[in-house]
Amino acid sequence: SKKIFQPMDAYVEENQLGLVVYAPVDIMINKNPLQTRQPDVLYISFERLEKFRLDDMEELPYLDVAPNLVIELISPSESSRKVEEKLADYRKIGVCECWLVRSAEGAIDVIRFLSEFTQILERFCRGERVRSQVLPGWQPAVDDLLVSLASIKGQN
């Protein structure tokens, strides 16, 4: 998540767009019964923060406003059903875009939620740049955002 958080945070801060936060941050899905999600990285615009008068996120037990963008690092063992449940929750609360980072596959899936039932999926692979409608000016190279298992093993 650090490989995604750091360049995204730098871009968002440089352009004064909002906040980029990494886990652990709980996002409210349902109050009763209580259900939260904890994406690996999220971006929330100043516009959304001001709308809900969130001055100090650090004081909140959970975020009760939908981020503009959430990023989930998907492990090869994570079931497609579990991923679909996360996507349904994010769509329900008003997240605009979700990135599913699949390092094992060398790809990032960008899902844009257009309505309750409609979404657009674009897959960006190694050698390509990710394109986002939420952060259109930031087009990072997929290779820069993915961690290869070989590089992790080489650090030991």
N, C-alpha and C. Protein backbone atom coordinates (compact mmCIF):
# COMPACT_ATOMS: atom_id res chain seq x y z
N SER A 1 0.83 -1.20 0.00
CA SER A 1 0.00 0.00 0.00
C SER A 1 0.86 1.26 0.00
N LYS A 2 2.08 1.14 0.53
CA LYS A 2 2.98 2.30 0.57
C LYS A 2 3.33 2.77 -0.85
N LYS A 3 3.50 1.83 -1.77
CA LYS A 3 3.86 2.20 -3.15
C LYS A 3 2.73 2.96 -3.84
N ILE A 4 1.53 2.80 -3.36
CA ILE A 4 0.39 3.54 -3.92
C ILE A 4 0.16 4.81 -3.12
N PHE A 5 0.18 4.68 -1.79
CA PHE A 5 -0.11 5.82 -0.93
C PHE A 5 0.83 7.00 -1.18
N GLN A 6 2.13 6.75 -1.19
CA GLN A 6 3.09 7.87 -1.26
C GLN A 6 2.94 8.72 -2.52
N PRO A 7 2.93 8.13 -3.72
CA PRO A 7 2.79 9.01 -4.90
C PRO A 7 1.40 9.63 -5.02
N MET A 8 0.36 8.91 -4.59
CA MET A 8 -0.99 9.48 -4.63
C MET A 8 -1.09 10.65 -3.66
N ASP A 9 -0.58 10.46 -2.46
CA ASP A 9 -0.61 11.51 -1.45
C ASP A 9 0.15 12.75 -1.94
N ALA A 10 1.31 12.54 -2.56
CA ALA A 10 2.10 13.67 -3.06
C ALA A 10 1.31 14.44 -4.13
N TYR A 11 0.65 13.72 -5.04
CA TYR A 11 -0.13 14.37 -6.09
C TYR A 11 -1.32 15.14 -5.50
N VAL A 12 -2.04 14.50 -4.61
CA VAL A 12 -3.23 15.13 -4.01
C VAL A 12 -2.83 16.36 -3.18
N GLU A 13 -1.75 16.23 -2.42
CA GLU A 13 -1.30 17.36 -1.60
C GLU A 13 -0.80 18.51 -2.47
N GLU A 14 0.00 18.19 -3.49
CA GLU A 14 0.53 19.22 -4.39
C GLU A 14 -0.58 20.01 -5.07
N ASN A 15 -1.67 19.33 -5.40
CA ASN A 15 -2.80 19.97 -6.09
C ASN A 15 -3.91 20.40 -5.14
N GLN A 16 -3.68 20.23 -3.84
CA GLN A 16 -4.63 20.64 -2.79
C GLN A 16 -6.05 20.14 -3.08
N LEU A 17 -6.15 18.81 -3.28
CA LEU A 17 -7.42 18.20 -3.66
C LEU A 17 -8.18 17.60 -2.49
N GLY A 18 -7.47 17.16 -1.46
CA GLY A 18 -8.13 16.49 -0.35
C GLY A 18 -7.13 15.72 0.48
N LEU A 19 -7.57 14.57 0.98
CA LEU A 19 -6.73 13.75 1.85
C LEU A 19 -6.61 12.34 1.30
N VAL A 20 -5.42 11.77 1.42
CA VAL A 20 -5.19 10.36 1.12
C VAL A 20 -4.84 9.71 2.45
N VAL A 21 -5.51 8.61 2.75
CA VAL A 21 -5.36 7.95 4.04
C VAL A 21 -5.16 6.46 3.79
N TYR A 22 -4.33 5.82 4.60
CA TYR A 22 -4.15 4.38 4.48
C TYR A 22 -4.64 3.68 5.74
N ALA A 23 -4.89 2.40 5.61
CA ALA A 23 -5.44 1.60 6.70
C ALA A 23 -4.52 1.69 7.93
N PRO A 24 -5.12 1.65 9.10
CA PRO A 24 -6.51 1.31 9.37
C PRO A 24 -7.41 2.55 9.52
N VAL A 25 -8.40 2.65 8.67
CA VAL A 25 -9.47 3.65 8.78
C VAL A 25 -10.77 2.93 8.45
N ASP A 26 -11.69 2.93 9.39
CA ASP A 26 -12.98 2.29 9.17
C ASP A 26 -13.92 3.25 8.44
N ILE A 27 -14.60 2.72 7.44
CA ILE A 27 -15.63 3.47 6.72
C ILE A 27 -16.97 2.85 7.06
N MET A 28 -17.91 3.69 7.48
CA MET A 28 -19.24 3.21 7.85
C MET A 28 -20.00 2.73 6.62
N ILE A 29 -20.49 1.51 6.70
CA ILE A 29 -21.35 0.95 5.66
C ILE A 29 -22.79 0.94 6.17
N ASN A 30 -23.00 0.39 7.37
CA ASN A 30 -24.32 0.36 8.03
C ASN A 30 -24.13 0.71 9.49
N LYS A 31 -25.09 1.47 10.04
CA LYS A 31 -25.04 1.77 11.47
C LYS A 31 -25.75 0.69 12.28
N ASN A 32 -26.83 0.14 11.72
CA ASN A 32 -27.58 -0.86 12.47
C ASN A 32 -28.04 -1.95 11.52
N PRO A 33 -27.46 -3.12 11.53
CA PRO A 33 -26.36 -3.54 12.40
C PRO A 33 -25.05 -2.89 11.94
N LEU A 34 -24.16 -2.68 12.88
CA LEU A 34 -22.89 -2.02 12.60
C LEU A 34 -22.08 -2.82 11.58
N GLN A 35 -21.69 -2.15 10.51
CA GLN A 35 -20.82 -2.77 9.50
C GLN A 35 -19.90 -1.70 8.95
N THR A 36 -18.61 -2.00 8.96
CA THR A 36 -17.62 -1.09 8.40
C THR A 36 -16.73 -1.84 7.42
N ARG A 37 -16.03 -1.09 6.61
CA ARG A 37 -15.01 -1.64 5.72
C ARG A 37 -13.73 -0.87 5.98
N GLN A 38 -12.62 -1.48 5.65
CA GLN A 38 -11.33 -0.85 5.87
C GLN A 38 -10.46 -1.02 4.62
N PRO A 39 -10.62 -0.11 3.63
CA PRO A 39 -9.80 -0.23 2.43
C PRO A 39 -8.33 0.02 2.76
N ASP A 40 -7.45 -0.43 1.88
CA ASP A 40 -6.02 -0.27 2.12
C ASP A 40 -5.58 1.19 1.98
N VAL A 41 -6.16 1.89 1.02
CA VAL A 41 -5.88 3.31 0.79
C VAL A 41 -7.19 3.95 0.37
N LEU A 42 -7.41 5.20 0.76
CA LEU A 42 -8.59 5.92 0.30
C LEU A 42 -8.24 7.37 0.05
N TYR A 43 -9.01 7.97 -0.85
CA TYR A 43 -8.90 9.40 -1.15
C TYR A 43 -10.27 10.01 -0.93
N ILE A 44 -10.27 11.15 -0.21
CA ILE A 44 -11.52 11.89 -0.03
C ILE A 44 -11.23 13.36 -0.32
N SER A 45 -12.05 13.95 -1.17
CA SER A 45 -11.84 15.33 -1.60
C SER A 45 -12.20 16.30 -0.48
N PHE A 46 -11.56 17.48 -0.53
CA PHE A 46 -11.91 18.53 0.43
C PHE A 46 -13.38 18.89 0.31
N GLU A 47 -13.90 18.82 -0.91
CA GLU A 47 -15.32 19.13 -1.14
C GLU A 47 -16.22 18.22 -0.30
N ARG A 48 -15.93 16.92 -0.30
CA ARG A 48 -16.74 16.00 0.51
C ARG A 48 -16.50 16.23 2.00
N LEU A 49 -15.27 16.51 2.38
CA LEU A 49 -14.98 16.76 3.79
C LEU A 49 -15.72 18.00 4.29
N GLU A 50 -15.72 19.06 3.50
CA GLU A 50 -16.39 20.30 3.89
C GLU A 50 -17.90 20.11 3.95
N LYS A 51 -18.43 19.36 3.01
CA LYS A 51 -19.87 19.11 2.97
C LYS A 51 -20.36 18.46 4.26
N PHE A 52 -19.53 17.60 4.82
CA PHE A 52 -19.92 16.90 6.04
C PHE A 52 -19.25 17.48 7.28
N ARG A 53 -18.61 18.65 7.12
CA ARG A 53 -17.97 19.37 8.23
C ARG A 53 -17.02 18.48 9.04
N LEU A 54 -16.17 17.76 8.33
CA LEU A 54 -15.18 16.91 8.99
C LEU A 54 -13.87 17.68 9.10
N ASP A 55 -13.64 18.27 10.27
CA ASP A 55 -12.43 19.07 10.47
C ASP A 55 -11.23 18.22 10.88
N ASP A 56 -11.47 17.22 11.70
CA ASP A 56 -10.36 16.42 12.20
C ASP A 56 -10.72 14.95 12.14
N MET A 57 -10.31 14.30 11.07
CA MET A 57 -10.65 12.88 10.89
C MET A 57 -10.03 12.00 11.96
N GLU A 58 -8.90 12.44 12.53
CA GLU A 58 -8.22 11.61 13.52
C GLU A 58 -9.06 11.42 14.78
N GLU A 59 -9.99 12.32 15.04
CA GLU A 59 -10.84 12.23 16.23
C GLU A 59 -12.04 11.31 16.03
N LEU A 60 -12.29 10.90 14.80
CA LEU A 60 -13.48 10.10 14.51
C LEU A 60 -13.22 8.61 14.72
N PRO A 61 -14.20 7.89 15.29
CA PRO A 61 -14.04 6.44 15.43
C PRO A 61 -14.14 5.72 14.08
N TYR A 62 -14.82 6.36 13.12
CA TYR A 62 -14.97 5.83 11.76
C TYR A 62 -15.33 6.98 10.84
N LEU A 63 -15.14 6.77 9.56
CA LEU A 63 -15.46 7.78 8.56
C LEU A 63 -16.90 7.56 8.11
N ASP A 64 -17.74 8.56 8.32
CA ASP A 64 -19.16 8.43 8.00
C ASP A 64 -19.53 9.18 6.72
N VAL A 65 -18.56 9.30 5.83
CA VAL A 65 -18.78 9.90 4.52
C VAL A 65 -18.03 9.04 3.51
N ALA A 66 -18.62 8.84 2.37
CA ALA A 66 -18.00 7.97 1.37
C ALA A 66 -16.77 8.64 0.77
N PRO A 67 -15.65 7.92 0.72
CA PRO A 67 -14.50 8.44 0.00
C PRO A 67 -14.81 8.53 -1.49
N ASN A 68 -14.08 9.36 -2.19
CA ASN A 68 -14.23 9.43 -3.65
C ASN A 68 -13.65 8.18 -4.30
N LEU A 69 -12.55 7.68 -3.71
CA LEU A 69 -11.80 6.55 -4.28
C LEU A 69 -11.31 5.65 -3.16
N VAL A 70 -11.50 4.35 -3.33
CA VAL A 70 -10.93 3.38 -2.40
C VAL A 70 -10.04 2.42 -3.19
N ILE A 71 -9.00 1.94 -2.53
CA ILE A 71 -8.07 1.01 -3.15
C ILE A 71 -7.97 -0.22 -2.26
N GLU A 72 -8.19 -1.37 -2.88
CA GLU A 72 -8.11 -2.65 -2.19
C GLU A 72 -6.99 -3.47 -2.81
N LEU A 73 -6.09 -3.98 -1.98
CA LEU A 73 -5.04 -4.89 -2.43
C LEU A 73 -5.63 -6.29 -2.34
N ILE A 74 -5.76 -6.94 -3.47
CA ILE A 74 -6.43 -8.24 -3.54
C ILE A 74 -5.38 -9.36 -3.52
N SER A 75 -5.51 -10.26 -2.57
CA SER A 75 -4.59 -11.39 -2.51
C SER A 75 -5.12 -12.51 -3.42
N PRO A 76 -4.24 -13.35 -3.93
CA PRO A 76 -4.69 -14.44 -4.81
C PRO A 76 -5.70 -15.37 -4.13
N SER A 77 -5.65 -15.46 -2.81
CA SER A 77 -6.56 -16.37 -2.10
C SER A 77 -7.93 -15.73 -1.80
N GLU A 78 -8.07 -14.44 -2.05
CA GLU A 78 -9.34 -13.77 -1.75
C GLU A 78 -10.39 -14.18 -2.78
N SER A 79 -11.53 -14.62 -2.30
CA SER A 79 -12.58 -15.12 -3.20
C SER A 79 -13.22 -13.98 -3.98
N SER A 80 -13.68 -14.31 -5.18
CA SER A 80 -14.36 -13.30 -6.00
C SER A 80 -15.65 -12.86 -5.31
N ARG A 81 -16.28 -13.74 -4.57
CA ARG A 81 -17.49 -13.38 -3.83
C ARG A 81 -17.20 -12.29 -2.79
N LYS A 82 -16.10 -12.43 -2.08
CA LYS A 82 -15.73 -11.43 -1.07
C LYS A 82 -15.42 -10.08 -1.73
N VAL A 83 -14.75 -10.11 -2.87
CA VAL A 83 -14.46 -8.88 -3.60
C VAL A 83 -15.75 -8.22 -4.06
N GLU A 84 -16.68 -9.02 -4.58
CA GLU A 84 -17.98 -8.48 -5.03
C GLU A 84 -18.76 -7.86 -3.87
N GLU A 85 -18.67 -8.45 -2.69
CA GLU A 85 -19.33 -7.89 -1.50
C GLU A 85 -18.75 -6.52 -1.15
N LYS A 86 -17.43 -6.39 -1.22
CA LYS A 86 -16.80 -5.10 -0.96
C LYS A 86 -17.27 -4.06 -1.97
N LEU A 87 -17.27 -4.45 -3.25
CA LEU A 87 -17.70 -3.52 -4.29
C LEU A 87 -19.15 -3.09 -4.08
N ALA A 88 -20.01 -4.01 -3.72
CA ALA A 88 -21.42 -3.68 -3.47
C ALA A 88 -21.55 -2.68 -2.32
N ASP A 89 -20.77 -2.88 -1.26
CA ASP A 89 -20.80 -1.96 -0.12
C ASP A 89 -20.31 -0.57 -0.52
N TYR A 90 -19.22 -0.52 -1.26
CA TYR A 90 -18.69 0.79 -1.67
C TYR A 90 -19.66 1.51 -2.61
N ARG A 91 -20.27 0.79 -3.52
CA ARG A 91 -21.26 1.38 -4.41
C ARG A 91 -22.43 1.94 -3.60
N LYS A 92 -22.88 1.15 -2.63
CA LYS A 92 -24.05 1.52 -1.83
C LYS A 92 -23.85 2.84 -1.08
N ILE A 93 -22.65 3.08 -0.59
CA ILE A 93 -22.45 4.30 0.21
C ILE A 93 -22.04 5.51 -0.62
N GLY A 94 -21.80 5.32 -1.94
CA GLY A 94 -21.51 6.46 -2.79
C GLY A 94 -20.06 6.67 -3.18
N VAL A 95 -19.23 5.64 -3.05
CA VAL A 95 -17.86 5.72 -3.54
C VAL A 95 -17.94 5.83 -5.07
N CYS A 96 -17.12 6.68 -5.66
CA CYS A 96 -17.16 6.88 -7.11
C CYS A 96 -16.33 5.86 -7.87
N GLU A 97 -15.20 5.46 -7.27
CA GLU A 97 -14.27 4.61 -7.98
C GLU A 97 -13.53 3.70 -7.00
N CYS A 98 -13.25 2.48 -7.45
CA CYS A 98 -12.51 1.52 -6.64
C CYS A 98 -11.42 0.90 -7.49
N TRP A 99 -10.21 0.83 -6.95
CA TRP A 99 -9.12 0.15 -7.62
C TRP A 99 -8.88 -1.17 -6.93
N LEU A 100 -8.85 -2.24 -7.70
CA LEU A 100 -8.51 -3.56 -7.18
C LEU A 100 -7.10 -3.87 -7.67
N VAL A 101 -6.16 -3.85 -6.76
CA VAL A 101 -4.76 -4.05 -7.10
C VAL A 101 -4.45 -5.53 -7.00
N ARG A 102 -4.09 -6.11 -8.13
CA ARG A 102 -3.83 -7.54 -8.22
C ARG A 102 -2.37 -7.76 -8.62
N SER A 103 -1.48 -7.64 -7.63
CA SER A 103 -0.04 -7.75 -7.89
C SER A 103 0.33 -9.08 -8.50
N ALA A 104 -0.30 -10.16 -8.04
CA ALA A 104 0.02 -11.49 -8.56
C ALA A 104 -0.29 -11.60 -10.05
N GLU A 105 -1.28 -10.83 -10.52
CA GLU A 105 -1.65 -10.85 -11.93
C GLU A 105 -0.97 -9.73 -12.72
N GLY A 106 -0.29 -8.83 -12.00
CA GLY A 106 0.34 -7.70 -12.67
C GLY A 106 -0.66 -6.72 -13.23
N ALA A 107 -1.77 -6.51 -12.51
CA ALA A 107 -2.84 -5.66 -13.05
C ALA A 107 -3.53 -4.87 -11.95
N ILE A 108 -4.14 -3.77 -12.37
CA ILE A 108 -4.99 -2.97 -11.50
C ILE A 108 -6.32 -2.80 -12.23
N ASP A 109 -7.38 -3.26 -11.60
CA ASP A 109 -8.73 -3.08 -12.15
C ASP A 109 -9.32 -1.80 -11.56
N VAL A 110 -9.77 -0.91 -12.42
CA VAL A 110 -10.40 0.33 -11.99
C VAL A 110 -11.89 0.21 -12.29
N ILE A 111 -12.69 0.30 -11.22
CA ILE A 111 -14.13 0.16 -11.34
C ILE A 111 -14.77 1.50 -11.01
N ARG A 112 -15.56 2.01 -11.94
CA ARG A 112 -16.30 3.25 -11.73
C ARG A 112 -17.77 2.90 -11.56
N PHE A 113 -18.33 3.39 -10.48
CA PHE A 113 -19.75 3.14 -10.19
C PHE A 113 -20.57 4.25 -10.81
N LEU A 114 -21.40 3.91 -11.80
CA LEU A 114 -22.21 4.90 -12.49
C LEU A 114 -23.60 5.02 -11.87
N SER A 115 -24.13 3.93 -11.38
CA SER A 115 -25.43 3.92 -10.72
C SER A 115 -25.47 2.72 -9.80
N GLU A 116 -26.63 2.48 -9.23
CA GLU A 116 -26.77 1.36 -8.30
C GLU A 116 -26.44 0.02 -8.96
N PHE A 117 -26.68 -0.08 -10.26
CA PHE A 117 -26.50 -1.36 -10.93
C PHE A 117 -25.45 -1.34 -12.05
N THR A 118 -24.93 -0.16 -12.36
CA THR A 118 -24.04 -0.05 -13.51
C THR A 118 -22.63 0.32 -13.06
N GLN A 119 -21.67 -0.39 -13.62
CA GLN A 119 -20.28 -0.06 -13.36
C GLN A 119 -19.47 -0.30 -14.61
N ILE A 120 -18.35 0.42 -14.69
CA ILE A 120 -17.43 0.25 -15.80
C ILE A 120 -16.13 -0.29 -15.23
N LEU A 121 -15.59 -1.29 -15.88
CA LEU A 121 -14.35 -1.90 -15.44
C LEU A 121 -13.29 -1.70 -16.52
N GLU A 122 -12.16 -1.17 -16.11
CA GLU A 122 -11.00 -1.09 -17.00
C GLU A 122 -9.85 -1.79 -16.31
N ARG A 123 -9.11 -2.59 -17.05
CA ARG A 123 -7.94 -3.28 -16.50
C ARG A 123 -6.69 -2.64 -17.09
N PHE A 124 -5.77 -2.31 -16.19
CA PHE A 124 -4.49 -1.74 -16.58
C PHE A 124 -3.40 -2.72 -16.15
N CYS A 125 -2.54 -3.09 -17.10
CA CYS A 125 -1.51 -4.10 -16.86
C CYS A 125 -0.12 -3.48 -16.87
N ARG A 126 0.86 -4.29 -16.48
CA ARG A 126 2.26 -3.83 -16.50
C ARG A 126 2.56 -3.21 -17.87
N GLY A 127 3.31 -2.12 -17.85
CA GLY A 127 3.64 -1.41 -19.08
C GLY A 127 2.63 -0.33 -19.43
N GLU A 128 1.53 -0.25 -18.69
CA GLU A 128 0.50 0.76 -18.95
C GLU A 128 0.44 1.76 -17.79
N ARG A 129 -0.33 2.81 -18.00
CA ARG A 129 -0.58 3.81 -16.96
C ARG A 129 -2.05 3.72 -16.54
N VAL A 130 -2.28 3.82 -15.24
CA VAL A 130 -3.64 3.79 -14.71
C VAL A 130 -4.31 5.12 -15.01
N ARG A 131 -5.55 5.05 -15.45
CA ARG A 131 -6.35 6.25 -15.68
C ARG A 131 -7.55 6.23 -14.74
N SER A 132 -7.75 7.36 -14.09
CA SER A 132 -8.81 7.49 -13.11
C SER A 132 -9.67 8.69 -13.45
N GLN A 133 -10.97 8.55 -13.29
CA GLN A 133 -11.84 9.71 -13.46
C GLN A 133 -11.88 10.56 -12.21
N VAL A 134 -11.58 9.97 -11.07
CA VAL A 134 -11.57 10.71 -9.81
C VAL A 134 -10.33 11.60 -9.71
N LEU A 135 -9.19 11.08 -10.15
CA LEU A 135 -7.93 11.84 -10.16
C LEU A 135 -7.36 11.82 -11.59
N PRO A 136 -8.01 12.54 -12.52
CA PRO A 136 -7.63 12.43 -13.94
C PRO A 136 -6.22 12.91 -14.26
N GLY A 137 -5.67 13.79 -13.47
CA GLY A 137 -4.32 14.30 -13.74
C GLY A 137 -3.22 13.37 -13.25
N TRP A 138 -3.56 12.38 -12.47
CA TRP A 138 -2.58 11.45 -11.93
C TRP A 138 -2.69 10.15 -12.70
N GLN A 139 -1.68 9.82 -13.47
CA GLN A 139 -1.68 8.61 -14.28
C GLN A 139 -0.40 7.82 -14.02
N PRO A 140 -0.33 7.17 -12.86
CA PRO A 140 0.88 6.43 -12.50
C PRO A 140 1.07 5.17 -13.34
N ALA A 141 2.31 4.79 -13.52
CA ALA A 141 2.62 3.55 -14.22
C ALA A 141 2.25 2.37 -13.33
N VAL A 142 1.59 1.39 -13.89
CA VAL A 142 1.20 0.19 -13.14
C VAL A 142 2.43 -0.43 -12.47
N ASP A 143 3.53 -0.51 -13.20
CA ASP A 143 4.75 -1.11 -12.67
C ASP A 143 5.24 -0.42 -11.40
N ASP A 144 5.01 0.90 -11.30
CA ASP A 144 5.45 1.64 -10.12
C ASP A 144 4.59 1.37 -8.90
N LEU A 145 3.37 0.89 -9.11
CA LEU A 145 2.44 0.68 -8.00
C LEU A 145 2.40 -0.75 -7.49
N LEU A 146 2.89 -1.69 -8.29
CA LEU A 146 2.84 -3.09 -7.91
C LEU A 146 4.14 -3.54 -7.25
N VAL A 147 4.01 -4.42 -6.31
CA VAL A 147 5.17 -5.03 -5.65
C VAL A 147 5.29 -6.44 -6.15
N SER A 148 6.47 -6.78 -6.65
CA SER A 148 6.66 -8.16 -7.08
C SER A 148 7.19 -8.98 -5.91
N LEU A 149 6.78 -10.21 -5.85
CA LEU A 149 7.24 -11.12 -4.80
C LEU A 149 8.75 -11.25 -4.82
N ALA A 150 9.34 -11.24 -6.00
CA ALA A 150 10.79 -11.38 -6.13
C ALA A 150 11.51 -10.21 -5.47
N SER A 151 10.96 -9.00 -5.61
CA SER A 151 11.62 -7.85 -5.01
C SER A 151 11.53 -7.88 -3.49
N ILE A 152 10.43 -8.41 -2.96
CA ILE A 152 10.29 -8.53 -1.51
C ILE A 152 11.27 -9.57 -0.98
N LYS A 153 11.36 -10.71 -1.65
CA LYS A 153 12.28 -11.76 -1.23
C LYS A 153 13.73 -11.29 -1.30
N GLY A 154 14.03 -10.45 -2.29
CA GLY A 154 15.40 -9.95 -2.48
C GLY A 154 15.85 -9.01 -1.38
N GLN A 155 14.88 -8.47 -0.60
CA GLN A 155 15.23 -7.55 0.48
C GLN A 155 15.73 -8.27 1.72
N ASN A 156 15.52 -9.57 1.81
CA ASN A 156 15.92 -10.32 2.99
C ASN A 156 17.38 -10.71 2.95
